[in-house]
C-alpha atoms as a PDB file:
ATOM      1  CA  MET A   1      -3.735  12.749  33.646  1.00  0.00           C
ATOM      2  CA  ALA A   2      -1.678  11.078  36.279  1.00  0.00           C
ATOM      3  CA  LYS A   3      -0.302   7.655  35.637  1.00  0.00           C
ATOM      4  CA  THR A   4      -1.553   4.973  38.058  1.00  0.00           C
ATOM      5  CA  HIS A   5       0.865   2.300  39.046  1.00  0.00           C
ATOM      6  CA  SER A   6      -0.187  -1.107  39.857  1.00  0.00           C
ATOM      7  CA  THR A   7       0.667  -2.378  43.378  1.00  0.00           C
ATOM      8  CA  GLN A   8       0.880  -5.941  41.954  1.00  0.00           C
ATOM      9  CA  ARG A   9       4.227  -7.221  41.250  1.00  0.00           C
ATOM     10  CA  ALA A  10       5.247 -10.102  39.027  1.00  0.00           C
ATOM     11  CA  PRO A  11       5.971 -13.170  41.045  1.00  0.00           C
ATOM     12  CA  ALA A  12       9.607 -13.407  41.799  1.00  0.00           C
ATOM     13  CA  ALA A  13      11.780 -15.853  39.729  1.00  0.00           C
ATOM     14  CA  PRO A  14      14.405 -18.183  41.151  1.00  0.00           C
ATOM     15  CA  GLY A  15      17.953 -16.965  40.822  1.00  0.00           C
ATOM     16  CA  ALA A  16      20.112 -17.849  37.806  1.00  0.00           C
ATOM     17  CA  THR A  17      22.164 -20.313  39.910  1.00  0.00           C
ATOM     18  CA  ALA A  18      18.932 -22.253  40.854  1.00  0.00           C
ATOM     19  CA  ARG A  19      17.592 -22.195  37.260  1.00  0.00           C
ATOM     20  CA  ALA A  20      21.109 -23.403  35.953  1.00  0.00           C
ATOM     21  CA  LEU A  21      21.252 -26.258  38.547  1.00  0.00           C
ATOM     22  CA  LEU A  22      17.674 -27.278  37.682  1.00  0.00           C
ATOM     23  CA  CYS A  23      18.560 -27.338  33.995  1.00  0.00           C
ATOM     24  CA  LEU A  24      21.594 -29.341  34.535  1.00  0.00           C
ATOM     25  CA  ALA A  25      19.605 -31.831  36.713  1.00  0.00           C
ATOM     26  CA  VAL A  26      16.960 -32.233  33.935  1.00  0.00           C
ATOM     27  CA  ILE A  27      19.671 -32.765  31.324  1.00  0.00           C
ATOM     28  CA  ALA A  28      21.218 -35.452  33.635  1.00  0.00           C
ATOM     29  CA  CYS A  29      17.882 -37.016  34.108  1.00  0.00           C
ATOM     30  CA  GLY A  30      17.127 -37.008  30.432  1.00  0.00           C
ATOM     31  CA  LEU A  31      20.447 -38.552  29.490  1.00  0.00           C
ATOM     32  CA  ALA A  32      20.074 -41.296  32.279  1.00  0.00           C
ATOM     33  CA  LEU A  33      16.504 -42.114  31.147  1.00  0.00           C
ATOM     34  CA  ARG A  34      17.657 -42.482  27.417  1.00  0.00           C
ATOM     35  CA  SER A  35      20.692 -44.387  28.360  1.00  0.00           C
ATOM     36  CA  PHE A  36      19.470 -46.659  31.002  1.00  0.00           C
ATOM     37  CA  GLY A  37      15.653 -46.626  30.732  1.00  0.00           C
ATOM     38  CA  PHE A  38      15.381 -49.973  28.770  1.00  0.00           C
ATOM     39  CA  GLN A  39      17.986 -51.527  30.989  1.00  0.00           C
ATOM     40  CA  LEU A  40      15.903 -50.742  33.965  1.00  0.00           C
ATOM     41  CA  GLY A  41      13.061 -52.288  32.450  1.00  0.00           C
ATOM     42  CA  LEU A  42      10.932 -49.067  31.759  1.00  0.00           C
ATOM     43  CA  PRO A  43       8.374 -49.398  28.991  1.00  0.00           C
ATOM     44  CA  ALA A  44       9.451 -47.828  25.676  1.00  0.00           C
ATOM     45  CA  VAL A  45       6.659 -45.094  25.996  1.00  0.00           C
ATOM     46  CA  VAL A  46       8.107 -43.973  29.292  1.00  0.00           C
ATOM     47  CA  VAL A  47      11.687 -43.814  27.843  1.00  0.00           C
ATOM     48  CA  LYS A  48      10.566 -42.069  24.519  1.00  0.00           C
ATOM     49  CA  TYR A  49       7.994 -39.561  25.770  1.00  0.00           C
ATOM     50  CA  GLY A  50       9.711 -39.121  29.220  1.00  0.00           C
ATOM     51  CA  GLY A  51      12.795 -37.937  27.275  1.00  0.00           C
ATOM     52  CA  SER A  52      10.628 -35.577  25.365  1.00  0.00           C
ATOM     53  CA  LEU A  53       9.008 -34.238  28.572  1.00  0.00           C
ATOM     54  CA  LEU A  54      12.500 -33.673  30.037  1.00  0.00           C
ATOM     55  CA  TRP A  55      13.663 -31.969  26.795  1.00  0.00           C
ATOM     56  CA  GLY A  56      10.712 -29.512  26.997  1.00  0.00           C
ATOM     57  CA  THR A  57      11.479 -28.963  30.719  1.00  0.00           C
ATOM     58  CA  MET A  58      15.138 -28.186  29.718  1.00  0.00           C
ATOM     59  CA  VAL A  59      14.124 -25.704  26.963  1.00  0.00           C
ATOM     60  CA  PHE A  60      12.055 -23.848  29.616  1.00  0.00           C
ATOM     61  CA  PHE A  61      14.982 -23.524  31.915  1.00  0.00           C
ATOM     62  CA  LEU A  62      17.335 -22.486  29.081  1.00  0.00           C
ATOM     63  CA  VAL A  63      14.868 -19.732  27.959  1.00  0.00           C
ATOM     64  CA  ALA A  64      14.524 -18.648  31.631  1.00  0.00           C
ATOM     65  CA  LEU A  65      18.319 -18.437  31.894  1.00  0.00           C
ATOM     66  CA  LEU A  66      18.513 -16.319  28.701  1.00  0.00           C
ATOM     67  CA  LEU A  67      15.681 -14.174  29.523  1.00  0.00           C
ATOM     68  CA  PRO A  68      15.587 -13.896  33.324  1.00  0.00           C
ATOM     69  CA  ARG A  69      13.365 -10.764  33.447  1.00  0.00           C
ATOM     70  CA  ARG A  70      10.640 -12.193  31.495  1.00  0.00           C
ATOM     71  CA  PRO A  71       7.453 -13.273  33.363  1.00  0.00           C
ATOM     72  CA  ARG A  72       7.122 -17.065  33.735  1.00  0.00           C
ATOM     73  CA  GLN A  73       4.182 -17.231  31.316  1.00  0.00           C
ATOM     74  CA  GLN A  74       6.177 -15.611  28.581  1.00  0.00           C
ATOM     75  CA  VAL A  75       9.177 -17.888  29.221  1.00  0.00           C
ATOM     76  CA  ALA A  76       6.769 -20.809  28.925  1.00  0.00           C
ATOM     77  CA  LEU A  77       5.158 -19.544  25.650  1.00  0.00           C
ATOM     78  CA  ILE A  78       8.742 -18.951  24.121  1.00  0.00           C
ATOM     79  CA  ALA A  79       9.833 -22.320  25.169  1.00  0.00           C
ATOM     80  CA  LEU A  80       6.763 -23.842  23.554  1.00  0.00           C
ATOM     81  CA  VAL A  81       7.323 -22.043  20.335  1.00  0.00           C
ATOM     82  CA  ILE A  82      10.968 -23.120  20.227  1.00  0.00           C
ATOM     83  CA  ALA A  83      10.010 -26.758  20.998  1.00  0.00           C
ATOM     84  CA  ILE A  84       7.355 -26.824  18.322  1.00  0.00           C
ATOM     85  CA  LEU A  85       9.688 -25.152  15.699  1.00  0.00           C
ATOM     86  CA  VAL A  86      12.418 -27.778  16.517  1.00  0.00           C
ATOM     87  CA  GLU A  87       9.831 -30.552  15.909  1.00  0.00           C
ATOM     88  CA  LEU A  88       8.665 -29.031  12.683  1.00  0.00           C
ATOM     89  CA  PHE A  89      12.263 -28.613  11.575  1.00  0.00           C
ATOM     90  CA  ARG A  90      12.330 -32.545  11.586  1.00  0.00           C
ATOM     91  CA  LEU A  91      10.238 -32.217   8.498  1.00  0.00           C
ATOM     92  CA  VAL A  92      13.152 -30.529   6.670  1.00  0.00           C
ATOM     93  CA  HIS A  93      15.419 -32.909   4.886  1.00  0.00           C
ATOM     94  CA  ALA A  94      18.876 -32.353   3.634  1.00  0.00           C
ATOM     95  CA  PRO A  95      21.882 -34.836   3.307  1.00  0.00           C
ATOM     96  CA  TRP A  96      23.985 -32.978   5.837  1.00  0.00           C
ATOM     97  CA  LEU A  97      21.083 -32.550   8.237  1.00  0.00           C
ATOM     98  CA  GLY A  98      20.172 -36.299   8.030  1.00  0.00           C
ATOM     99  CA  ALA A  99      23.924 -37.137   8.748  1.00  0.00           C
ATOM    100  CA  PHE A 100      23.852 -34.961  11.697  1.00  0.00           C
ATOM    101  CA  ARG A 101      20.662 -36.498  13.036  1.00  0.00           C
ATOM    102  CA  LEU A 102      22.190 -39.861  12.887  1.00  0.00           C
ATOM    103  CA  THR A 103      24.822 -38.752  15.610  1.00  0.00           C
ATOM    104  CA  THR A 104      24.067 -38.946  19.301  1.00  0.00           C
ATOM    105  CA  ALA A 105      24.116 -35.077  19.436  1.00  0.00           C
ATOM    106  CA  GLY A 106      21.942 -34.718  16.498  1.00  0.00           C
ATOM    107  CA  ALA A 107      19.388 -37.194  17.847  1.00  0.00           C
ATOM    108  CA  LEU A 108      19.279 -35.640  21.329  1.00  0.00           C
ATOM    109  CA  LEU A 109      19.189 -31.977  20.034  1.00  0.00           C
ATOM    110  CA  LEU A 110      17.041 -32.307  16.925  1.00  0.00           C
ATOM    111  CA  GLY A 111      15.628 -35.778  16.967  1.00  0.00           C
ATOM    112  CA  ARG A 112      15.001 -38.031  14.119  1.00  0.00           C
ATOM    113  CA  ILE A 113      11.262 -38.493  13.378  1.00  0.00           C
ATOM    114  CA  PHE A 114       8.498 -35.925  13.448  1.00  0.00           C
ATOM    115  CA  SER A 115       5.788 -36.685  15.885  1.00  0.00           C
ATOM    116  CA  LEU A 116       2.770 -34.668  17.053  1.00  0.00           C
ATOM    117  CA  TRP A 117       2.950 -36.678  20.414  1.00  0.00           C
ATOM    118  CA  ASN A 118       6.419 -35.211  21.034  1.00  0.00           C
ATOM    119  CA  MET A 119       4.793 -31.701  20.908  1.00  0.00           C
ATOM    120  CA  LEU A 120       2.347 -32.763  23.646  1.00  0.00           C
ATOM    121  CA  ALA A 121       5.215 -34.204  25.778  1.00  0.00           C
ATOM    122  CA  TYR A 122       7.265 -30.942  25.228  1.00  0.00           C
ATOM    123  CA  ALA A 123       4.091 -28.813  26.344  1.00  0.00           C
ATOM    124  CA  ALA A 124       3.682 -31.125  29.528  1.00  0.00           C
ATOM    125  CA  GLY A 125       7.535 -30.649  30.262  1.00  0.00           C
ATOM    126  CA  ILE A 126       7.300 -26.899  29.927  1.00  0.00           C
ATOM    127  CA  MET A 127       4.187 -26.911  32.163  1.00  0.00           C
ATOM    128  CA  LEU A 128       6.108 -29.059  34.651  1.00  0.00           C
ATOM    129  CA  ALA A 129       9.114 -26.671  34.483  1.00  0.00           C
ATOM    130  CA  ALA A 130       7.061 -23.674  35.156  1.00  0.00           C
ATOM    131  CA  VAL A 131       5.564 -25.359  38.335  1.00  0.00           C
ATOM    132  CA  ILE A 132       9.084 -26.325  39.396  1.00  0.00           C
ATOM    133  CA  ASP A 133      10.295 -22.813  38.695  1.00  0.00           C
ATOM    134  CA  ARG A 134       7.465 -21.320  40.813  1.00  0.00           C
ATOM    135  CA  LEU A 135       8.209 -23.650  43.628  1.00  0.00           C
ATOM    136  CA  ALA A 136      11.738 -22.808  43.570  1.00  0.00           C
ATOM    137  CA  ALA A 137      10.874 -19.144  43.605  1.00  0.00           C
ATOM    138  CA  SER A 138       8.684 -19.652  46.734  1.00  0.00           C
ATOM    139  CA  LEU A 139      11.436 -21.468  48.539  1.00  0.00           C
ATOM    140  CA  ARG A 140      13.822 -18.701  47.731  1.00  0.00           C
ATOM    141  CA  ARG A 141      11.497 -16.040  49.282  1.00  0.00           C
ATOM    142  CA  GLU A 142      11.212 -18.082  52.545  1.00  0.00           C
END
C-alpha cells in the first residue's frame, strides 16, 4: 500500500526574531500596565486582569520560541497548560515560596493569590497571542 501525502501544509509561523520582539513588547506592556496603570487612572480590573491577559500572551510567545516547529494550536494548548499549572501552584504554601512571592519577581512570575478569573484572563491572552502570531505570519509571507 502506498502512503498518501497531504498537500496541505501547516500555516507558516513568524520567525524567531519576530516572536522574540513580540514577546519583549508584551513584557514591556505588562510591566508598564502594572507600574503605571493606576497612575493613569485605569480601573483596578483593567490593571489586574490586563496584566494577567498579557502574562498569558507572553507565555504563548515563550512556548512558541522554545517549540518553533509546533503548530500554533499545540503552542496555545501547551501555553494554557503551563498557565493553569502556575495558577494552581499558588495553592502550594511553603515559607520560602511565600517569601519569594512577596518580591517583585515572585509576584510577576508566580503571583500571590489563586484566582479562577486569572485562568480566564490567561486563556484570553493566549488566544490573543495566537491571533497576533497568525497575523505576523501572514505579514511575513507577503
